[in-house]
Amino acid sequence: MNAAFITECGPASNIQYGEIQRPEPGPNQVLVRTGAAALNPVDTYIRNGANYWELPNPFVVGCDVAGTVEAVGSDVTELSVGDRVWGTNQGLLGRQGTFAEYCAIDQEWLYKTPENVTDEDAAACSLVGVTAHLGLFRDAKINADDTIFVHGGSGGVGAMVLQMAKITGARVITSAGSQEKAERCKELGADDVILYKEENETEAIARLAPEGVNVFWETLREPDLESIVEVMAERGRIVIMAGRDARPPFPVGPFYVKGLHMFGFVMFKAPPCELKACADDINNWLSSGQLKAQISHRLPLSDAA
């Protein structure tokens, strides 16, 4: 089969496209014929070597996939040949990735794709959708009475957070770097958009939410926790996506006095049962049209580098 793979970590030029052996599914695995695979920033981090686990060699890059079941292992009970499926959490913790014509994936990481949802849309909502769902519902426990600020509502995860928060009924304030991105955020349902290049973000949040925001979703790798805590409502929840090397100053006193909570997590450490709960909602929202995939480019597998 053809695949995009590396034999050594490093720059994008290390990615090779060519033939490697097609995987055989193990007893608990499903062989998926790839219909679409999505590219995420974490794929570039792993390609560069920013992982703490040993990679298979050759290593196929990619976390997200959607396609059709080609074969199933002897212990697979939930899926059958011909089923359309999608999934994420591949290419991580020693698992092979998805930028290949076929992928052998443990059945617990796969979910049936609704009939009216394309492989492209399912793949595009995989990692970013699961990440948004875990942070909003498992951790921040967002509800219709909340006001949330989403840092960068037109980004991959940000756009999912924005839409899911609106589905819940929350008021959504977000930020954008251009008028074009601001319009996109409005199309996705944002109530207010701050153009952070034209207005001080902290002052704008305070103006739009004088009593503070209940949830703050931070997408920056080096968060300004001092400014975040300043705009939080009492007992608010902060969700951060900082890189593992981030070491920002932490205003313990103001955080403590407001009774705040802060959550940090990596999606791939969530157990299968938690990801399944995310997938069920994502499927329902995609099928009903409430959640819209954000696809910036479409490329053939041969252009994966």
Protein backbone atom coordinates (compact mmCIF):
# COMPACT_ATOMS: atom_id res chain seq x y z
CA MET A 1 0.00 0.00 0.00
CA ASN A 2 1.04 3.64 -0.36
CA ALA A 3 1.67 5.72 2.75
CA ALA A 4 3.32 8.89 4.02
CA PHE A 5 5.94 7.75 6.52
CA ILE A 6 9.24 8.58 8.17
CA THR A 7 12.21 6.44 9.11
CA GLU A 8 13.81 9.20 11.17
CA CYS A 9 12.35 12.16 13.08
CA GLY A 10 13.08 15.62 11.75
CA PRO A 11 11.78 18.24 9.30
CA ALA A 12 8.96 17.76 6.80
CA SER A 13 11.51 16.77 4.18
CA ASN A 14 11.94 13.50 6.10
CA ILE A 15 8.44 12.40 5.09
CA GLN A 16 8.55 9.82 2.34
CA TYR A 17 5.67 8.74 0.13
CA GLY A 18 5.78 5.24 -1.21
CA GLU A 19 4.93 1.61 -0.70
CA ILE A 20 5.09 -0.14 2.65
CA GLN A 21 3.53 -3.39 3.79
CA ARG A 22 -0.22 -3.30 4.31
CA PRO A 23 -1.02 -4.02 7.97
CA GLU A 24 -2.88 -7.13 9.06
CA PRO A 25 -5.49 -6.50 11.77
CA GLY A 26 -4.88 -8.16 15.11
CA PRO A 27 -7.67 -9.97 17.01
CA ASN A 28 -9.04 -6.71 18.46
CA GLN A 29 -8.33 -4.57 15.39
CA VAL A 30 -10.16 -3.32 12.33
CA LEU A 31 -8.55 -2.76 8.94
CA VAL A 32 -9.82 0.56 7.59
CA ARG A 33 -9.55 1.59 3.95
CA THR A 34 -8.80 5.29 4.29
CA GLY A 35 -11.24 7.75 2.76
CA ALA A 36 -9.82 10.88 4.40
CA ALA A 37 -7.19 11.75 6.99
CA ALA A 38 -6.79 15.09 8.77
CA LEU A 39 -3.57 16.92 9.60
CA ASN A 40 -3.12 18.43 13.07
CA PRO A 41 -0.26 20.34 14.73
CA VAL A 42 0.50 17.33 16.96
CA ASP A 43 1.44 15.39 13.82
CA THR A 44 4.27 17.83 13.14
CA TYR A 45 5.45 17.66 16.76
CA ILE A 46 5.75 13.87 16.61
CA ARG A 47 7.43 14.01 13.22
CA ASN A 48 9.97 16.40 14.74
CA GLY A 49 10.66 13.97 17.60
CA ALA A 50 8.81 15.76 20.42
CA ASN A 51 7.43 12.50 21.80
CA TYR A 52 8.50 10.39 24.75
CA TRP A 53 7.71 6.97 23.29
CA GLU A 54 9.48 4.83 20.72
CA LEU A 55 8.09 5.05 17.19
CA PRO A 56 7.63 2.08 14.87
CA ASN A 57 9.99 2.10 11.89
CA PRO A 58 8.81 2.99 9.34
CA PHE A 59 6.34 5.26 11.14
CA VAL A 60 3.17 6.41 9.40
CA VAL A 61 2.22 9.94 10.49
CA GLY A 62 -1.30 11.17 11.28
CA CYS A 63 -3.89 10.94 14.09
CA ASP A 64 -7.28 11.20 12.37
CA VAL A 65 -8.97 8.97 9.83
CA ALA A 66 -12.33 8.19 8.27
CA GLY A 67 -13.03 5.37 5.86
CA THR A 68 -14.56 1.95 5.37
CA VAL A 69 -14.00 -1.31 7.24
CA GLU A 70 -12.11 -3.72 4.98
CA ALA A 71 -11.53 -6.56 7.47
CA VAL A 72 -12.01 -7.29 11.17
CA GLY A 73 -10.06 -9.30 13.73
CA SER A 74 -11.43 -12.40 15.43
CA ASP A 75 -12.41 -10.54 18.63
CA VAL A 76 -14.14 -7.57 16.98
CA THR A 77 -17.83 -7.49 17.85
CA GLU A 78 -19.07 -3.94 17.24
CA LEU A 79 -18.02 -3.38 13.61
CA SER A 80 -18.43 -5.29 10.35
CA VAL A 81 -16.91 -5.25 6.88
CA GLY A 82 -18.44 -2.40 4.90
CA ASP A 83 -19.18 -0.16 7.89
CA ARG A 84 -18.12 3.45 7.49
CA VAL A 85 -16.08 4.60 10.48
CA TRP A 86 -13.99 7.45 11.81
CA GLY A 87 -11.51 7.78 14.64
CA THR A 88 -8.63 9.62 16.22
CA ASN A 89 -5.85 8.91 18.73
CA GLN A 90 -3.66 7.10 16.20
CA GLY A 91 0.03 7.81 15.60
CA LEU A 92 0.38 8.22 19.38
CA LEU A 93 1.88 6.15 22.21
CA GLY A 94 3.53 3.80 19.71
CA ARG A 95 0.48 3.31 17.49
CA GLN A 96 0.87 3.64 13.73
CA GLY A 97 -0.68 6.69 12.09
CA THR A 98 -3.32 7.26 9.45
CA PHE A 99 -1.66 8.78 6.38
CA ALA A 100 -1.88 5.51 4.49
CA GLU A 101 -4.27 3.72 2.18
CA TYR A 102 -5.06 1.26 4.98
CA CYS A 103 -4.86 1.46 8.79
CA ALA A 104 -5.14 -1.31 11.39
CA ILE A 105 -6.86 0.26 14.41
CA ASP A 106 -8.07 -1.11 17.74
CA GLN A 107 -11.87 -1.27 17.63
CA GLU A 108 -12.31 0.90 20.74
CA TRP A 109 -10.89 3.94 18.89
CA LEU A 110 -13.41 3.76 16.03
CA TYR A 111 -16.96 5.09 15.71
CA LYS A 112 -19.58 4.53 13.02
CA THR A 113 -19.97 7.47 10.63
CA PRO A 114 -23.55 8.72 10.12
CA GLU A 115 -24.91 8.06 6.63
CA ASN A 116 -25.22 11.75 5.76
CA VAL A 117 -21.69 12.70 6.93
CA THR A 118 -18.75 12.55 4.51
CA ASP A 119 -15.41 10.97 5.32
CA GLU A 120 -13.80 14.40 4.94
CA ASP A 121 -16.06 16.03 7.50
CA ALA A 122 -15.75 13.13 9.94
CA ALA A 123 -11.95 13.13 9.76
CA ALA A 124 -11.79 16.93 10.05
CA CYS A 125 -13.80 16.87 13.29
CA SER A 126 -11.92 14.00 14.94
CA LEU A 127 -9.05 15.24 17.11
CA VAL A 128 -10.25 18.84 17.30
CA GLY A 129 -13.81 17.81 18.08
CA VAL A 130 -12.86 15.30 20.76
CA THR A 131 -10.46 17.81 22.33
CA ALA A 132 -13.15 20.49 22.47
CA HIS A 133 -15.73 18.08 23.88
CA LEU A 134 -13.46 16.77 26.64
CA GLY A 135 -12.53 20.26 27.80
CA LEU A 136 -16.03 21.71 27.65
CA PHE A 137 -18.15 18.90 29.03
CA ARG A 138 -15.96 16.54 31.04
CA ASP A 139 -13.85 19.28 32.62
CA ALA A 140 -15.47 22.73 32.43
CA LYS A 141 -19.01 21.30 32.57
CA ILE A 142 -20.35 24.15 30.48
CA ASN A 143 -24.07 24.93 30.60
CA ALA A 144 -26.58 27.27 29.01
CA ASP A 145 -26.20 29.91 31.74
CA ASP A 146 -22.47 30.33 31.14
CA THR A 147 -20.54 32.99 29.28
CA ILE A 148 -17.40 31.57 27.69
CA PHE A 149 -14.41 33.29 26.12
CA VAL A 150 -12.68 31.26 23.40
CA HIS A 151 -9.22 32.45 22.44
CA GLY A 152 -9.05 32.16 18.64
CA GLY A 153 -12.49 31.00 17.59
CA SER A 154 -11.54 30.46 13.95
CA GLY A 155 -8.75 27.97 14.71
CA GLY A 156 -9.07 24.21 14.56
CA VAL A 157 -9.95 23.53 18.19
CA GLY A 158 -11.33 27.04 18.76
CA ALA A 159 -13.98 26.64 16.06
CA MET A 160 -15.13 23.36 17.62
CA VAL A 161 -15.27 24.91 21.11
CA LEU A 162 -17.23 27.89 19.78
CA GLN A 163 -19.81 25.71 18.03
CA MET A 164 -20.24 23.21 20.87
CA ALA A 165 -20.66 25.99 23.41
CA LYS A 166 -23.40 27.54 21.25
CA ILE A 167 -25.10 24.16 20.86
CA THR A 168 -25.24 24.06 24.66
CA GLY A 169 -26.85 27.51 24.72
CA ALA A 170 -23.95 29.41 26.29
CA ARG A 171 -23.02 32.97 25.36
CA VAL A 172 -19.76 32.93 23.37
CA ILE A 173 -17.19 35.71 23.20
CA THR A 174 -14.16 34.99 21.04
CA SER A 175 -11.17 36.72 19.46
CA ALA A 176 -9.85 36.94 15.92
CA GLY A 177 -6.84 38.44 14.19
CA SER A 178 -8.63 39.81 11.13
CA GLN A 179 -12.04 40.96 9.97
CA GLU A 180 -12.28 37.91 7.73
CA LYS A 181 -11.70 35.56 10.66
CA ALA A 182 -14.12 37.57 12.78
CA GLU A 183 -16.83 37.10 10.15
CA ARG A 184 -16.13 33.39 10.15
CA CYS A 185 -16.56 33.28 13.93
CA LYS A 186 -19.89 35.09 13.57
CA GLU A 187 -21.00 32.53 10.98
CA LEU A 188 -20.19 29.77 13.47
CA GLY A 189 -22.38 31.43 16.09
CA ALA A 190 -20.16 33.74 18.16
CA ASP A 191 -22.13 36.41 20.01
CA ASP A 192 -19.21 38.84 20.22
CA VAL A 193 -15.83 38.89 18.47
CA ILE A 194 -12.84 40.91 19.68
CA LEU A 195 -10.30 42.00 17.06
CA TYR A 196 -7.28 41.60 19.29
CA LYS A 197 -4.97 43.56 16.98
CA GLU A 198 -7.22 46.60 17.32
CA GLU A 199 -8.39 46.38 20.93
CA ASN A 200 -6.88 45.27 24.23
CA GLU A 201 -8.32 41.81 24.75
CA THR A 202 -8.55 41.95 28.55
CA GLU A 203 -10.30 45.32 28.49
CA ALA A 204 -12.68 44.14 25.78
CA ILE A 205 -13.66 41.01 27.73
CA ALA A 206 -14.27 43.12 30.85
CA ARG A 207 -16.48 45.46 28.80
CA LEU A 208 -18.50 42.64 27.24
CA ALA A 209 -18.77 40.59 30.45
CA PRO A 210 -18.59 43.03 33.41
CA GLU A 211 -19.23 40.24 35.92
CA GLY A 212 -16.58 38.03 34.34
CA VAL A 213 -16.66 34.97 32.12
CA ASN A 214 -17.59 31.60 33.57
CA VAL A 215 -15.35 29.61 31.23
CA PHE A 216 -12.11 30.71 29.57
CA TRP A 217 -10.68 28.48 26.83
CA GLU A 218 -7.03 29.36 26.25
CA THR A 219 -5.35 28.13 23.07
CA LEU A 220 -2.01 29.94 23.47
CA ARG A 221 1.04 27.82 24.26
CA GLU A 222 2.23 30.45 26.78
CA PRO A 223 -0.94 31.68 28.53
CA ASP A 224 -1.06 35.00 30.38
CA LEU A 225 -2.67 33.64 33.54
CA GLU A 226 -2.63 37.05 35.25
CA SER A 227 -4.91 38.50 32.56
CA ILE A 228 -7.08 35.40 32.43
CA VAL A 229 -7.77 35.36 36.18
CA GLU A 230 -8.57 39.08 36.03
CA VAL A 231 -11.56 38.52 33.71
CA MET A 232 -12.93 35.40 35.40
CA ALA A 233 -16.23 35.28 37.27
CA GLU A 234 -16.38 33.73 40.72
CA ARG A 235 -15.99 29.95 40.60
CA GLY A 236 -15.05 30.12 36.93
CA ARG A 237 -13.30 27.38 34.99
CA ILE A 238 -10.18 27.80 32.87
CA VAL A 239 -9.19 25.28 30.19
CA ILE A 240 -5.62 25.56 28.92
CA MET A 241 -3.86 23.98 25.95
CA ALA A 242 -0.33 25.07 26.83
CA GLY A 243 2.67 23.17 25.54
CA ARG A 244 4.48 20.87 27.95
CA ASP A 245 7.40 23.29 28.17
CA ALA A 246 5.22 26.26 29.17
CA ARG A 247 6.15 27.84 32.52
CA PRO A 248 3.99 31.00 32.85
CA PRO A 249 3.76 32.97 36.11
CA PHE A 250 0.73 31.86 38.13
CA PRO A 251 -1.29 34.39 40.24
CA VAL A 252 -2.13 31.99 43.06
CA GLY A 253 -3.72 34.61 45.33
CA PRO A 254 -6.33 36.04 42.93
CA PHE A 255 -7.03 32.53 41.61
CA TYR A 256 -7.63 31.27 45.14
CA VAL A 257 -9.82 34.20 46.22
CA LYS A 258 -12.15 33.79 43.24
CA GLY A 259 -12.48 30.05 43.83
CA LEU A 260 -11.41 29.23 40.29
CA HIS A 261 -10.68 25.87 38.70
CA MET A 262 -8.15 25.21 35.94
CA PHE A 263 -7.95 22.17 33.67
CA GLY A 264 -5.15 21.01 31.45
CA PHE A 265 -5.25 17.76 29.53
CA VAL A 266 -3.97 15.90 26.50
CA MET A 267 -6.62 14.18 24.45
CA PHE A 268 -4.71 10.97 23.82
CA LYS A 269 -4.59 10.10 27.53
CA ALA A 270 -8.39 9.92 27.79
CA PRO A 271 -9.72 6.34 28.06
CA PRO A 272 -11.83 4.86 25.24
CA CYS A 273 -15.09 5.27 27.20
CA GLU A 274 -14.58 9.05 27.43
CA LEU A 275 -13.75 9.36 23.73
CA LYS A 276 -16.83 7.29 22.87
CA ALA A 277 -19.04 9.77 24.77
CA CYS A 278 -17.48 12.60 22.76
CA ALA A 279 -17.95 10.71 19.49
CA ASP A 280 -21.63 10.06 20.14
CA ASP A 281 -22.35 13.78 20.51
CA ILE A 282 -20.12 14.71 17.57
CA ASN A 283 -21.97 12.21 15.36
CA ASN A 284 -25.37 13.58 16.40
CA TRP A 285 -24.31 17.18 15.83
CA LEU A 286 -22.65 16.48 12.47
CA SER A 287 -25.66 14.51 11.29
CA SER A 288 -28.10 17.26 12.33
CA GLY A 289 -25.97 20.03 10.80
CA GLN A 290 -25.37 21.76 14.14
CA LEU A 291 -21.62 21.12 13.95
CA LYS A 292 -19.71 22.09 10.82
CA ALA A 293 -16.28 20.78 9.88
CA GLN A 294 -13.59 23.37 9.18
CA ILE A 295 -11.41 22.32 6.24
CA SER A 296 -8.78 24.77 5.01
CA HIS A 297 -7.03 22.64 2.35
CA ARG A 298 -7.64 19.40 0.49
CA LEU A 299 -4.55 17.51 -0.66
CA PRO A 300 -3.76 14.08 -2.08
CA LEU A 301 -1.94 11.67 0.23
CA SER A 302 1.18 12.02 -1.91
CA ASP A 303 1.43 15.69 -0.82
CA ALA A 304 1.44 14.89 2.92
CA ALA A 305 4.82 16.54 3.43
